[in-house]
Amino acid sequence: MSLKKDKSEISFGVQPFLALLAMWLTQDIVMRFFFSKKIIIGKEHLSSLKGSVILAPTHRSRWDGLALTLATGRRITNKDCRFMVTTPEMKGIQGWFLKRLGCFSINQASPSLFSLRYAIDLIISQNQLVIFPEGKINKNRKKVNFKQGLFRLAKLASRKGTPVQIVPIGIAYSRINPRFRDQVALCIEKPLNLNDFEGFSIDDFNNILRSKINEAELNALGLVGR
C-alpha cells in the first residue's frame, strides 16, 4: 500500500499551460523585479551537452529553484528542470503546484522503490534532473556530507547505456537572506562525465563534486560582491 501512495505523490508530468503561466509569472515578473541584477556565467557548458543531464547546485535559499529555472530552464536548454524535492515540500497548495510543474518527492531517509525508478526513468529519457547534493537549504555554507543518491542514480541510469553528465552549479546572493533589489549570480561549471569516474567510490566522487561546486560558488559570490 505504501508503494501505491508514493506513486500517487510523484507521478505527475509537466502540465504545459501551467508551466507556461509559471514561467511568465516567475521569470518575467518576480525574478525581473525582485532582483536588481541577475548574472549567469558558463551557459556555454549547457549548449554542448548531449544525453542525460543532472544539475547539481548549491542550496542557499528558497529562491534557488527560480534562479535555476531562469538560468537553465526551457528558454535556455529546451528542457524543463525536474526537481527532486523532499516529501514535506510536496504538501498542501505548494505541493499541488510543484507536482504539476514536474517536481517529485523522495523520502531521503527511506526512498521507495517507485520513487527511485521514477528518477532513473527521468534520467534515461534525457530529462534535466535537478538534485541538491546537500539535501536541504544550507544558508551559511557549512560543510555537510553530500547525499549519496545523486551518484547512485546516475550509476544506475548509466548501466542502461545512458551517458550521464553532471553539472556543478554555484548560486550566490548579495546577502545571505536575499532582499528586494539584491543581486543573484549563477556559475555553471564544466560538466562531469560519469563515464570518467568508473571505479570511483561514492565518497571519492562526492569529494570531486564538492570541490567543483565550491569553486563555482566562490566565483558566483565574487560576482555579487561577497
N, C-alpha and C. Protein backbone atom coordinates (compact mmCIF):
# COMPACT_ATOMS: atom_id res chain seq x y z
N MET A 1 0.82 -1.21 0.00
CA MET A 1 0.00 0.00 0.00
C MET A 1 0.85 1.26 0.00
N SER A 2 1.98 1.22 0.71
CA SER A 2 2.82 2.42 0.79
C SER A 2 3.42 2.75 -0.57
N LEU A 3 3.71 1.71 -1.36
CA LEU A 3 4.27 1.94 -2.68
C LEU A 3 3.27 2.66 -3.57
N LYS A 4 1.99 2.28 -3.47
CA LYS A 4 0.94 2.92 -4.26
C LYS A 4 0.78 4.38 -3.86
N LYS A 5 0.87 4.66 -2.57
CA LYS A 5 0.78 6.04 -2.09
C LYS A 5 1.93 6.87 -2.62
N ASP A 6 3.13 6.31 -2.61
CA ASP A 6 4.29 7.03 -3.13
C ASP A 6 4.08 7.37 -4.59
N LYS A 7 3.51 6.43 -5.35
CA LYS A 7 3.29 6.66 -6.77
C LYS A 7 2.34 7.82 -6.99
N SER A 8 1.29 7.90 -6.24
CA SER A 8 0.32 8.98 -6.41
C SER A 8 0.91 10.32 -6.05
N GLU A 9 1.92 10.33 -5.20
CA GLU A 9 2.51 11.59 -4.77
C GLU A 9 3.48 12.16 -5.80
N ILE A 10 4.06 11.34 -6.67
CA ILE A 10 5.12 11.87 -7.52
C ILE A 10 4.86 11.73 -9.01
N SER A 11 3.90 10.92 -9.43
CA SER A 11 3.80 10.60 -10.85
C SER A 11 2.98 11.64 -11.61
N PHE A 12 3.41 12.88 -11.57
CA PHE A 12 2.83 13.93 -12.38
C PHE A 12 3.88 14.41 -13.37
N GLY A 13 3.45 14.64 -14.61
CA GLY A 13 4.35 15.26 -15.56
C GLY A 13 4.19 16.77 -15.52
N VAL A 14 4.86 17.43 -16.45
CA VAL A 14 4.76 18.88 -16.53
C VAL A 14 3.48 19.24 -17.28
N GLN A 15 2.62 20.03 -16.64
CA GLN A 15 1.38 20.48 -17.27
C GLN A 15 1.71 21.70 -18.14
N PRO A 16 1.58 21.58 -19.47
CA PRO A 16 2.07 22.63 -20.38
C PRO A 16 1.53 24.03 -20.09
N PHE A 17 0.22 24.18 -19.92
CA PHE A 17 -0.33 25.51 -19.70
C PHE A 17 0.15 26.10 -18.38
N LEU A 18 0.14 25.27 -17.35
CA LEU A 18 0.59 25.74 -16.04
C LEU A 18 2.08 26.09 -16.07
N ALA A 19 2.86 25.31 -16.81
CA ALA A 19 4.30 25.59 -16.92
C ALA A 19 4.55 26.92 -17.61
N LEU A 20 3.81 27.20 -18.68
CA LEU A 20 3.96 28.48 -19.38
C LEU A 20 3.55 29.65 -18.49
N LEU A 21 2.46 29.46 -17.77
CA LEU A 21 1.99 30.50 -16.85
C LEU A 21 3.02 30.75 -15.75
N ALA A 22 3.55 29.67 -15.18
CA ALA A 22 4.55 29.81 -14.12
C ALA A 22 5.82 30.46 -14.63
N MET A 23 6.23 30.11 -15.86
CA MET A 23 7.43 30.70 -16.45
C MET A 23 7.25 32.22 -16.61
N TRP A 24 6.12 32.62 -17.13
CA TRP A 24 5.84 34.05 -17.31
C TRP A 24 5.81 34.77 -15.97
N LEU A 25 5.12 34.19 -15.00
CA LEU A 25 4.97 34.83 -13.69
C LEU A 25 6.30 34.93 -12.95
N THR A 26 7.06 33.84 -12.93
CA THR A 26 8.29 33.82 -12.13
C THR A 26 9.46 34.51 -12.82
N GLN A 27 9.64 34.24 -14.12
CA GLN A 27 10.82 34.78 -14.80
C GLN A 27 10.62 36.22 -15.29
N ASP A 28 9.45 36.49 -15.84
CA ASP A 28 9.22 37.81 -16.43
C ASP A 28 8.73 38.85 -15.44
N ILE A 29 8.22 38.41 -14.31
CA ILE A 29 7.71 39.36 -13.32
C ILE A 29 8.50 39.28 -12.01
N VAL A 30 8.42 38.12 -11.33
CA VAL A 30 9.01 38.02 -9.99
C VAL A 30 10.53 38.20 -10.03
N MET A 31 11.22 37.38 -10.83
CA MET A 31 12.69 37.47 -10.88
C MET A 31 13.14 38.80 -11.46
N ARG A 32 12.42 39.30 -12.44
CA ARG A 32 12.81 40.55 -13.09
C ARG A 32 12.77 41.73 -12.14
N PHE A 33 11.73 41.79 -11.32
CA PHE A 33 11.56 42.96 -10.47
C PHE A 33 12.14 42.78 -9.07
N PHE A 34 12.24 41.55 -8.58
CA PHE A 34 12.77 41.36 -7.23
C PHE A 34 14.28 41.60 -7.21
N PHE A 35 14.98 41.03 -8.18
CA PHE A 35 16.44 41.16 -8.20
C PHE A 35 16.85 42.30 -9.14
N SER A 36 17.76 43.15 -8.66
CA SER A 36 18.23 44.27 -9.47
C SER A 36 19.17 43.81 -10.57
N LYS A 37 19.85 42.69 -10.33
CA LYS A 37 20.80 42.19 -11.30
C LYS A 37 20.87 40.68 -11.23
N LYS A 38 20.85 40.04 -12.39
CA LYS A 38 20.94 38.60 -12.48
C LYS A 38 22.12 38.26 -13.39
N ILE A 39 23.12 37.60 -12.82
CA ILE A 39 24.35 37.31 -13.55
C ILE A 39 24.47 35.80 -13.72
N ILE A 40 24.65 35.38 -14.96
CA ILE A 40 24.77 33.94 -15.25
C ILE A 40 26.01 33.74 -16.11
N ILE A 41 26.95 32.94 -15.63
CA ILE A 41 28.13 32.63 -16.42
C ILE A 41 28.24 31.12 -16.61
N GLY A 42 28.82 30.73 -17.72
CA GLY A 42 29.01 29.31 -18.01
C GLY A 42 27.89 28.67 -18.80
N LYS A 43 26.99 29.49 -19.38
CA LYS A 43 25.88 28.91 -20.14
C LYS A 43 26.35 28.11 -21.35
N GLU A 44 27.57 28.41 -21.81
CA GLU A 44 28.10 27.67 -22.95
C GLU A 44 28.28 26.18 -22.64
N HIS A 45 28.45 25.86 -21.36
CA HIS A 45 28.58 24.44 -20.99
C HIS A 45 27.28 23.68 -21.20
N LEU A 46 26.15 24.37 -21.10
CA LEU A 46 24.86 23.72 -21.28
C LEU A 46 24.57 23.45 -22.75
N SER A 47 24.99 24.37 -23.61
CA SER A 47 24.65 24.24 -25.04
C SER A 47 25.35 23.05 -25.69
N SER A 48 26.46 22.60 -25.10
CA SER A 48 27.22 21.49 -25.68
C SER A 48 26.83 20.13 -25.11
N LEU A 49 25.89 20.10 -24.17
CA LEU A 49 25.54 18.85 -23.51
C LEU A 49 24.73 17.94 -24.41
N LYS A 50 25.03 16.66 -24.34
CA LYS A 50 24.24 15.65 -25.05
C LYS A 50 23.88 14.55 -24.04
N GLY A 51 22.78 13.87 -24.31
CA GLY A 51 22.36 12.79 -23.41
C GLY A 51 21.65 13.31 -22.19
N SER A 52 21.77 12.57 -21.10
CA SER A 52 21.05 12.90 -19.88
C SER A 52 21.84 13.87 -19.01
N VAL A 53 21.12 14.74 -18.31
CA VAL A 53 21.76 15.80 -17.54
C VAL A 53 21.23 15.79 -16.11
N ILE A 54 22.15 15.84 -15.15
CA ILE A 54 21.79 16.07 -13.75
C ILE A 54 22.44 17.38 -13.33
N LEU A 55 21.64 18.33 -12.91
CA LEU A 55 22.16 19.59 -12.40
C LEU A 55 22.40 19.44 -10.90
N ALA A 56 23.60 19.82 -10.45
CA ALA A 56 23.97 19.66 -9.04
C ALA A 56 24.35 21.02 -8.46
N PRO A 57 23.37 21.79 -7.98
CA PRO A 57 23.65 23.14 -7.48
C PRO A 57 23.80 23.20 -5.96
N THR A 58 24.39 24.31 -5.52
CA THR A 58 24.34 24.63 -4.10
C THR A 58 22.91 24.97 -3.72
N HIS A 59 22.64 24.95 -2.41
CA HIS A 59 21.26 25.22 -1.96
C HIS A 59 21.33 26.20 -0.79
N ARG A 60 21.13 27.48 -1.10
CA ARG A 60 21.29 28.53 -0.10
C ARG A 60 20.00 29.26 0.24
N SER A 61 18.97 29.12 -0.60
CA SER A 61 17.76 29.90 -0.40
C SER A 61 16.59 29.24 -1.13
N ARG A 62 15.38 29.62 -0.73
CA ARG A 62 14.19 29.16 -1.45
C ARG A 62 14.11 29.77 -2.85
N TRP A 63 14.93 30.79 -3.10
CA TRP A 63 14.97 31.38 -4.43
C TRP A 63 15.75 30.52 -5.42
N ASP A 64 16.47 29.53 -4.94
CA ASP A 64 17.35 28.74 -5.81
C ASP A 64 16.61 28.12 -6.99
N GLY A 65 15.43 27.58 -6.72
CA GLY A 65 14.67 26.92 -7.78
C GLY A 65 14.32 27.88 -8.92
N LEU A 66 13.89 29.09 -8.56
CA LEU A 66 13.54 30.07 -9.59
C LEU A 66 14.78 30.53 -10.34
N ALA A 67 15.88 30.72 -9.60
CA ALA A 67 17.13 31.14 -10.24
C ALA A 67 17.64 30.08 -11.21
N LEU A 68 17.56 28.81 -10.81
CA LEU A 68 18.00 27.72 -11.68
C LEU A 68 17.14 27.63 -12.93
N THR A 69 15.83 27.76 -12.77
CA THR A 69 14.94 27.69 -13.92
C THR A 69 15.22 28.82 -14.89
N LEU A 70 15.52 30.00 -14.36
CA LEU A 70 15.87 31.14 -15.20
C LEU A 70 17.14 30.87 -16.00
N ALA A 71 18.12 30.26 -15.35
CA ALA A 71 19.44 30.07 -15.98
C ALA A 71 19.54 28.82 -16.83
N THR A 72 18.77 27.80 -16.49
CA THR A 72 18.95 26.50 -17.15
C THR A 72 17.66 25.88 -17.66
N GLY A 73 16.55 26.59 -17.54
CA GLY A 73 15.26 26.02 -17.89
C GLY A 73 14.96 26.00 -19.37
N ARG A 74 13.68 25.85 -19.70
CA ARG A 74 13.25 25.63 -21.08
C ARG A 74 13.71 26.70 -22.05
N ARG A 75 13.73 27.96 -21.62
CA ARG A 75 14.13 29.02 -22.54
C ARG A 75 15.61 28.94 -22.93
N ILE A 76 16.38 28.26 -22.12
CA ILE A 76 17.82 28.15 -22.38
C ILE A 76 18.18 26.80 -23.00
N THR A 77 17.64 25.72 -22.46
CA THR A 77 18.05 24.37 -22.86
C THR A 77 16.96 23.59 -23.60
N ASN A 78 15.77 24.17 -23.72
CA ASN A 78 14.61 23.47 -24.29
C ASN A 78 14.20 22.27 -23.43
N LYS A 79 14.63 22.29 -22.17
CA LYS A 79 14.23 21.23 -21.24
C LYS A 79 13.71 21.86 -19.95
N ASP A 80 12.69 21.24 -19.38
CA ASP A 80 12.22 21.68 -18.07
C ASP A 80 13.14 21.15 -16.99
N CYS A 81 13.27 21.91 -15.91
CA CYS A 81 14.00 21.42 -14.74
C CYS A 81 13.08 20.53 -13.93
N ARG A 82 13.45 19.28 -13.78
CA ARG A 82 12.66 18.32 -13.00
C ARG A 82 13.31 18.19 -11.62
N PHE A 83 12.75 18.86 -10.65
CA PHE A 83 13.35 18.95 -9.32
C PHE A 83 13.00 17.74 -8.47
N MET A 84 14.01 17.16 -7.84
CA MET A 84 13.80 16.17 -6.79
C MET A 84 13.76 16.93 -5.47
N VAL A 85 12.63 16.86 -4.76
CA VAL A 85 12.45 17.62 -3.53
C VAL A 85 12.10 16.68 -2.39
N THR A 86 12.16 17.21 -1.18
CA THR A 86 11.82 16.40 -0.01
C THR A 86 10.31 16.26 0.12
N THR A 87 9.88 15.22 0.79
CA THR A 87 8.45 14.94 0.93
C THR A 87 7.66 16.09 1.56
N PRO A 88 8.15 16.76 2.63
CA PRO A 88 7.38 17.86 3.22
C PRO A 88 7.09 19.00 2.26
N GLU A 89 7.96 19.21 1.26
CA GLU A 89 7.76 20.30 0.31
C GLU A 89 6.59 20.04 -0.63
N MET A 90 6.10 18.80 -0.67
CA MET A 90 5.04 18.45 -1.60
C MET A 90 3.67 18.44 -0.93
N LYS A 91 3.56 19.08 0.21
CA LYS A 91 2.29 19.13 0.92
C LYS A 91 1.51 20.39 0.56
N GLY A 92 0.19 20.31 0.71
CA GLY A 92 -0.67 21.48 0.57
C GLY A 92 -0.69 22.08 -0.82
N ILE A 93 -1.03 23.37 -0.90
CA ILE A 93 -1.16 24.05 -2.19
C ILE A 93 0.17 24.15 -2.91
N GLN A 94 1.28 24.30 -2.15
CA GLN A 94 2.60 24.32 -2.78
C GLN A 94 2.87 23.00 -3.48
N GLY A 95 2.57 21.91 -2.81
CA GLY A 95 2.78 20.60 -3.40
C GLY A 95 1.94 20.38 -4.65
N TRP A 96 0.70 20.90 -4.62
CA TRP A 96 -0.19 20.76 -5.78
C TRP A 96 0.46 21.37 -7.02
N PHE A 97 1.00 22.57 -6.87
CA PHE A 97 1.65 23.25 -7.99
C PHE A 97 2.95 22.55 -8.38
N LEU A 98 3.77 22.19 -7.38
CA LEU A 98 5.06 21.58 -7.68
C LEU A 98 4.91 20.28 -8.45
N LYS A 99 3.93 19.47 -8.08
CA LYS A 99 3.70 18.21 -8.79
C LYS A 99 3.41 18.45 -10.26
N ARG A 100 2.61 19.46 -10.53
CA ARG A 100 2.20 19.74 -11.90
C ARG A 100 3.22 20.54 -12.69
N LEU A 101 4.29 20.95 -12.02
CA LEU A 101 5.40 21.61 -12.72
C LEU A 101 6.59 20.67 -12.88
N GLY A 102 6.35 19.38 -12.62
CA GLY A 102 7.38 18.38 -12.89
C GLY A 102 8.25 18.00 -11.72
N CYS A 103 7.96 18.55 -10.53
CA CYS A 103 8.74 18.16 -9.34
C CYS A 103 8.21 16.83 -8.81
N PHE A 104 9.03 16.13 -8.08
CA PHE A 104 8.58 14.90 -7.44
C PHE A 104 9.32 14.74 -6.13
N SER A 105 8.68 14.04 -5.21
CA SER A 105 9.23 13.92 -3.87
C SER A 105 9.96 12.60 -3.69
N ILE A 106 10.87 12.63 -2.72
CA ILE A 106 11.57 11.41 -2.34
C ILE A 106 11.86 11.47 -0.85
N ASN A 107 11.62 10.39 -0.18
CA ASN A 107 11.91 10.30 1.25
C ASN A 107 13.40 10.00 1.41
N GLN A 108 14.15 11.01 1.87
CA GLN A 108 15.60 10.85 1.94
C GLN A 108 16.02 9.76 2.91
N ALA A 109 15.25 9.56 3.96
CA ALA A 109 15.62 8.56 4.96
C ALA A 109 15.35 7.15 4.46
N SER A 110 14.26 6.99 3.70
CA SER A 110 13.89 5.67 3.21
C SER A 110 13.16 5.80 1.88
N PRO A 111 13.89 6.03 0.79
CA PRO A 111 13.25 6.22 -0.50
C PRO A 111 12.54 4.96 -0.98
N SER A 112 11.36 5.13 -1.55
CA SER A 112 10.61 3.98 -2.05
C SER A 112 11.20 3.49 -3.36
N LEU A 113 10.93 2.25 -3.69
CA LEU A 113 11.41 1.67 -4.94
C LEU A 113 10.84 2.42 -6.12
N PHE A 114 9.57 2.82 -6.03
CA PHE A 114 8.95 3.52 -7.14
C PHE A 114 9.61 4.87 -7.39
N SER A 115 9.88 5.62 -6.32
CA SER A 115 10.49 6.94 -6.49
C SER A 115 11.87 6.83 -7.12
N LEU A 116 12.63 5.80 -6.75
CA LEU A 116 13.95 5.59 -7.35
C LEU A 116 13.83 5.25 -8.83
N ARG A 117 12.88 4.37 -9.16
CA ARG A 117 12.68 4.01 -10.56
C ARG A 117 12.23 5.22 -11.37
N TYR A 118 11.38 6.04 -10.76
CA TYR A 118 10.88 7.22 -11.45
C TYR A 118 12.03 8.17 -11.78
N ALA A 119 12.93 8.38 -10.82
CA ALA A 119 14.08 9.26 -11.04
C ALA A 119 14.99 8.69 -12.12
N ILE A 120 15.23 7.39 -12.10
CA ILE A 120 16.08 6.76 -13.11
C ILE A 120 15.45 6.89 -14.49
N ASP A 121 14.13 6.70 -14.58
CA ASP A 121 13.43 6.83 -15.86
C ASP A 121 13.55 8.25 -16.41
N LEU A 122 13.50 9.25 -15.51
CA LEU A 122 13.67 10.64 -15.95
C LEU A 122 15.06 10.85 -16.55
N ILE A 123 16.07 10.26 -15.92
CA ILE A 123 17.44 10.40 -16.43
C ILE A 123 17.57 9.70 -17.78
N ILE A 124 17.07 8.47 -17.86
CA ILE A 124 17.20 7.68 -19.08
C ILE A 124 16.49 8.36 -20.26
N SER A 125 15.35 8.98 -19.98
CA SER A 125 14.60 9.65 -21.05
C SER A 125 15.12 11.05 -21.36
N GLN A 126 16.32 11.36 -20.84
CA GLN A 126 17.05 12.59 -21.15
C GLN A 126 16.33 13.85 -20.68
N ASN A 127 15.64 13.72 -19.55
CA ASN A 127 15.13 14.90 -18.89
C ASN A 127 16.28 15.59 -18.16
N GLN A 128 16.02 16.79 -17.67
CA GLN A 128 17.03 17.57 -16.95
C GLN A 128 16.68 17.51 -15.46
N LEU A 129 17.33 16.60 -14.75
CA LEU A 129 17.02 16.37 -13.36
C LEU A 129 17.86 17.27 -12.46
N VAL A 130 17.21 17.90 -11.46
CA VAL A 130 17.92 18.76 -10.51
C VAL A 130 17.96 18.06 -9.15
N ILE A 131 19.17 17.83 -8.65
CA ILE A 131 19.36 17.23 -7.34
C ILE A 131 20.30 18.12 -6.53
N PHE A 132 19.85 18.59 -5.37
CA PHE A 132 20.72 19.37 -4.49
C PHE A 132 21.55 18.39 -3.66
N PRO A 133 22.86 18.29 -3.90
CA PRO A 133 23.68 17.29 -3.19
C PRO A 133 23.68 17.47 -1.67
N GLU A 134 23.47 18.73 -1.19
CA GLU A 134 23.46 18.96 0.25
C GLU A 134 22.17 18.48 0.89
N GLY A 135 21.14 18.27 0.10
CA GLY A 135 19.90 17.71 0.60
C GLY A 135 18.91 18.70 1.15
N LYS A 136 19.36 19.87 1.57
CA LYS A 136 18.47 20.88 2.13
C LYS A 136 19.16 22.24 2.09
N ILE A 137 18.41 23.30 2.39
CA ILE A 137 18.98 24.64 2.38
C ILE A 137 20.08 24.75 3.43
N ASN A 138 21.22 25.28 3.01
CA ASN A 138 22.40 25.41 3.87
C ASN A 138 22.89 26.86 3.75
N LYS A 139 22.23 27.77 4.45
CA LYS A 139 22.43 29.21 4.26
C LYS A 139 23.86 29.66 4.52
N ASN A 140 24.50 29.11 5.52
CA ASN A 140 25.81 29.61 5.95
C ASN A 140 26.99 28.82 5.38
N ARG A 141 26.73 28.02 4.36
CA ARG A 141 27.80 27.28 3.66
C ARG A 141 28.57 26.34 4.58
N LYS A 142 27.89 25.81 5.58
CA LYS A 142 28.55 24.85 6.46
C LYS A 142 28.85 23.58 5.67
N LYS A 143 29.96 22.95 6.00
CA LYS A 143 30.31 21.72 5.32
C LYS A 143 29.41 20.59 5.81
N VAL A 144 28.65 20.03 4.90
CA VAL A 144 27.77 18.91 5.23
C VAL A 144 28.09 17.76 4.30
N ASN A 145 27.78 16.56 4.75
CA ASN A 145 28.01 15.39 3.91
C ASN A 145 27.03 15.40 2.75
N PHE A 146 27.56 15.25 1.53
CA PHE A 146 26.70 15.16 0.37
C PHE A 146 25.89 13.87 0.43
N LYS A 147 24.65 13.96 -0.05
CA LYS A 147 23.82 12.76 -0.12
C LYS A 147 24.38 11.81 -1.18
N GLN A 148 24.13 10.52 -0.99
CA GLN A 148 24.68 9.52 -1.90
C GLN A 148 23.78 9.27 -3.12
N GLY A 149 22.54 9.80 -3.05
CA GLY A 149 21.56 9.48 -4.08
C GLY A 149 21.95 9.90 -5.48
N LEU A 150 22.57 11.07 -5.62
CA LEU A 150 22.91 11.56 -6.96
C LEU A 150 23.80 10.58 -7.70
N PHE A 151 24.89 10.17 -7.05
CA PHE A 151 25.84 9.26 -7.70
C PHE A 151 25.19 7.90 -7.96
N ARG A 152 24.41 7.41 -7.00
CA ARG A 152 23.77 6.10 -7.16
C ARG A 152 22.80 6.11 -8.34
N LEU A 153 21.98 7.15 -8.43
CA LEU A 153 21.01 7.24 -9.52
C LEU A 153 21.71 7.35 -10.87
N ALA A 154 22.76 8.17 -10.92
CA ALA A 154 23.49 8.33 -12.16
C ALA A 154 24.14 7.02 -12.60
N LYS A 155 24.69 6.27 -11.67
CA LYS A 155 25.31 4.99 -11.99
C LYS A 155 24.28 3.98 -12.49
N LEU A 156 23.14 3.93 -11.83
CA LEU A 156 22.09 3.00 -12.25
C LEU A 156 21.60 3.34 -13.65
N ALA A 157 21.45 4.64 -13.94
CA ALA A 157 21.00 5.05 -15.27
C ALA A 157 22.06 4.73 -16.32
N SER A 158 23.32 4.93 -15.97
CA SER A 158 24.39 4.69 -16.94
C SER A 158 24.51 3.21 -17.29
N ARG A 159 24.11 2.35 -16.38
CA ARG A 159 24.14 0.91 -16.66
C ARG A 159 23.12 0.52 -17.71
N LYS A 160 22.15 1.40 -17.96
CA LYS A 160 21.17 1.17 -19.00
C LYS A 160 21.69 1.66 -20.36
N GLY A 161 22.95 2.09 -20.38
CA GLY A 161 23.54 2.57 -21.61
C GLY A 161 23.34 4.05 -21.86
N THR A 162 22.91 4.78 -20.84
CA THR A 162 22.66 6.21 -20.98
C THR A 162 23.86 7.02 -20.52
N PRO A 163 24.47 7.85 -21.39
CA PRO A 163 25.56 8.72 -20.94
C PRO A 163 24.99 9.81 -20.03
N VAL A 164 25.61 10.00 -18.88
CA VAL A 164 25.09 10.95 -17.89
C VAL A 164 26.12 12.04 -17.64
N GLN A 165 25.67 13.29 -17.78
CA GLN A 165 26.51 14.44 -17.49
C GLN A 165 26.01 15.11 -16.21
N ILE A 166 26.92 15.38 -15.29
CA ILE A 166 26.57 16.02 -14.02
C ILE A 166 27.18 17.41 -14.01
N VAL A 167 26.32 18.42 -13.82
CA VAL A 167 26.75 19.82 -13.96
C VAL A 167 26.82 20.50 -12.59
N PRO A 168 28.03 20.80 -12.10
CA PRO A 168 28.15 21.55 -10.83
C PRO A 168 27.75 23.01 -11.04
N ILE A 169 26.95 23.55 -10.12
CA ILE A 169 26.47 24.93 -10.24
C ILE A 169 26.57 25.62 -8.89
N GLY A 170 27.12 26.81 -8.89
CA GLY A 170 27.16 27.63 -7.67
C GLY A 170 26.17 28.76 -7.78
N ILE A 171 25.38 28.96 -6.73
CA ILE A 171 24.39 30.05 -6.70
C ILE A 171 24.74 30.95 -5.52
N ALA A 172 24.72 32.26 -5.74
CA ALA A 172 25.06 33.21 -4.67
C ALA A 172 24.17 34.44 -4.76
N TYR A 173 23.91 35.01 -3.60
CA TYR A 173 23.11 36.24 -3.49
C TYR A 173 23.95 37.30 -2.79
N SER A 174 23.62 38.56 -3.03
CA SER A 174 24.42 39.64 -2.44
C SER A 174 24.27 39.70 -0.92
N ARG A 175 23.23 39.04 -0.38
CA ARG A 175 23.09 38.86 1.06
C ARG A 175 22.65 37.43 1.35
N ILE A 176 22.98 36.95 2.54
CA ILE A 176 22.62 35.58 2.89
C ILE A 176 21.13 35.36 2.74
N ASN A 177 20.34 36.30 3.25
CA ASN A 177 18.89 36.26 3.08
C ASN A 177 18.51 37.31 2.03
N PRO A 178 18.25 36.88 0.79
CA PRO A 178 18.00 37.84 -0.28
C PRO A 178 16.85 38.78 0.04
N ARG A 179 17.07 40.06 -0.31
CA ARG A 179 16.04 41.08 -0.13
C ARG A 179 15.74 41.75 -1.46
N PHE A 180 14.68 42.53 -1.46
CA PHE A 180 14.24 43.21 -2.66
C PHE A 180 15.36 44.06 -3.25
N ARG A 181 15.59 43.87 -4.55
CA ARG A 181 16.60 44.56 -5.35
C ARG A 181 18.03 44.12 -5.06
N ASP A 182 18.19 42.97 -4.41
CA ASP A 182 19.51 42.37 -4.27
C ASP A 182 19.95 41.78 -5.62
N GLN A 183 21.16 41.23 -5.63
CA GLN A 183 21.69 40.61 -6.84
C GLN A 183 21.78 39.10 -6.65
N VAL A 184 21.70 38.37 -7.77
CA VAL A 184 21.87 36.92 -7.75
C VAL A 184 22.81 36.54 -8.88
N ALA A 185 23.67 35.57 -8.62
CA ALA A 185 24.61 35.10 -9.64
C ALA A 185 24.65 33.58 -9.65
N LEU A 186 24.79 33.02 -10.84
CA LEU A 186 24.95 31.58 -11.00
C LEU A 186 26.18 31.32 -11.85
N CYS A 187 26.99 30.39 -11.38
CA CYS A 187 28.18 29.98 -12.12
C CYS A 187 28.02 28.50 -12.49
N ILE A 188 27.97 28.23 -13.77
CA ILE A 188 27.79 26.88 -14.28
C ILE A 188 29.16 26.33 -14.69
N GLU A 189 29.58 25.27 -14.03
CA GLU A 189 30.90 24.70 -14.30
C GLU A 189 30.84 23.66 -15.42
N LYS A 190 32.00 23.29 -15.91
CA LYS A 190 32.10 22.26 -16.94
C LYS A 190 31.53 20.94 -16.41
N PRO A 191 30.67 20.29 -17.18
CA PRO A 191 30.03 19.05 -16.72
C PRO A 191 31.03 17.93 -16.45
N LEU A 192 30.67 17.09 -15.51
CA LEU A 192 31.44 15.88 -15.22
C LEU A 192 30.77 14.72 -15.95
N ASN A 193 31.53 14.02 -16.78
CA ASN A 193 31.02 12.85 -17.49
C ASN A 193 31.17 11.65 -16.57
N LEU A 194 30.06 11.02 -16.25
CA LEU A 194 30.10 9.92 -15.28
C LEU A 194 31.01 8.78 -15.76
N ASN A 195 31.14 8.61 -17.06
CA ASN A 195 31.99 7.54 -17.58
C ASN A 195 33.45 7.72 -17.17
N ASP A 196 33.82 8.95 -16.84
CA ASP A 196 35.20 9.22 -16.43
C ASP A 196 35.47 8.80 -14.98
N PHE A 197 34.44 8.35 -14.28
CA PHE A 197 34.59 8.02 -12.86
C PHE A 197 34.29 6.55 -12.59
N GLU A 198 34.55 5.74 -13.59
CA GLU A 198 34.38 4.30 -13.43
C GLU A 198 35.34 3.80 -12.36
N GLY A 199 34.82 3.05 -11.40
CA GLY A 199 35.65 2.51 -10.33
C GLY A 199 35.80 3.43 -9.14
N PHE A 200 35.27 4.66 -9.22
CA PHE A 200 35.34 5.59 -8.10
C PHE A 200 34.28 5.20 -7.06
N SER A 201 34.63 5.38 -5.80
CA SER A 201 33.64 5.19 -4.74
C SER A 201 32.73 6.42 -4.67
N ILE A 202 31.60 6.29 -3.96
CA ILE A 202 30.69 7.43 -3.80
C ILE A 202 31.40 8.58 -3.11
N ASP A 203 32.18 8.27 -2.07
CA ASP A 203 32.88 9.32 -1.33
C ASP A 203 33.89 10.03 -2.21
N ASP A 204 34.62 9.26 -3.03
CA ASP A 204 35.61 9.87 -3.92
C ASP A 204 34.95 10.81 -4.91
N PHE A 205 33.85 10.35 -5.49
CA PHE A 205 33.15 11.19 -6.46
C PHE A 205 32.58 12.44 -5.79
N ASN A 206 31.96 12.25 -4.63
CA ASN A 206 31.37 13.39 -3.92
C ASN A 206 32.42 14.43 -3.53
N ASN A 207 33.62 13.99 -3.22
CA ASN A 207 34.69 14.94 -2.90
C ASN A 207 35.05 15.78 -4.12
N ILE A 208 35.09 15.15 -5.27
CA ILE A 208 35.38 15.89 -6.50
C ILE A 208 34.22 16.84 -6.83
N LEU A 209 33.01 16.34 -6.70
CA LEU A 209 31.83 17.18 -6.97
C LEU A 209 31.78 18.37 -6.02
N ARG A 210 32.08 18.12 -4.75
CA ARG A 210 32.09 19.21 -3.76
C ARG A 210 33.11 20.28 -4.14
N SER A 211 34.28 19.85 -4.59
CA SER A 211 35.32 20.79 -4.98
C SER A 211 34.86 21.66 -6.15
N LYS A 212 34.22 21.04 -7.13
CA LYS A 212 33.75 21.78 -8.30
C LYS A 212 32.62 22.74 -7.93
N ILE A 213 31.71 22.28 -7.08
CA ILE A 213 30.60 23.14 -6.66
C ILE A 213 31.11 24.31 -5.83
N ASN A 214 32.05 24.04 -4.92
CA ASN A 214 32.62 25.12 -4.11
C ASN A 214 33.32 26.16 -4.98
N GLU A 215 34.03 25.70 -5.99
CA GLU A 215 34.70 26.61 -6.91
C GLU A 215 33.68 27.48 -7.65
N ALA A 216 32.60 26.85 -8.08
CA ALA A 216 31.55 27.58 -8.78
C ALA A 216 30.89 28.61 -7.85
N GLU A 217 30.68 28.22 -6.61
CA GLU A 217 30.03 29.15 -5.67
C GLU A 217 30.94 30.33 -5.35
N LEU A 218 32.22 30.07 -5.18
CA LEU A 218 33.16 31.18 -4.92
C LEU A 218 33.16 32.18 -6.07
N ASN A 219 33.10 31.68 -7.31
CA ASN A 219 33.02 32.56 -8.46
C ASN A 219 31.72 33.37 -8.43
N ALA A 220 30.62 32.72 -8.07
CA ALA A 220 29.34 33.41 -8.01
C ALA A 220 29.33 34.46 -6.91
N LEU A 221 29.92 34.12 -5.76
CA LEU A 221 30.00 35.08 -4.66
C LEU A 221 30.78 36.33 -5.06
N GLY A 222 31.85 36.12 -5.80
CA GLY A 222 32.64 37.26 -6.27
C GLY A 222 31.84 38.17 -7.19
N LEU A 223 30.95 37.59 -7.97
CA LEU A 223 30.14 38.37 -8.91
C LEU A 223 29.12 39.27 -8.19
N VAL A 224 28.73 38.87 -6.98
CA VAL A 224 27.75 39.70 -6.23
C VAL A 224 28.42 40.47 -5.10
N GLY A 225 29.75 40.50 -5.11
CA GLY A 225 30.47 41.34 -4.15
C GLY A 225 30.59 40.78 -2.76
N ARG A 226 30.62 39.45 -2.61
CA ARG A 226 30.78 38.85 -1.29
C ARG A 226 32.08 38.06 -1.20
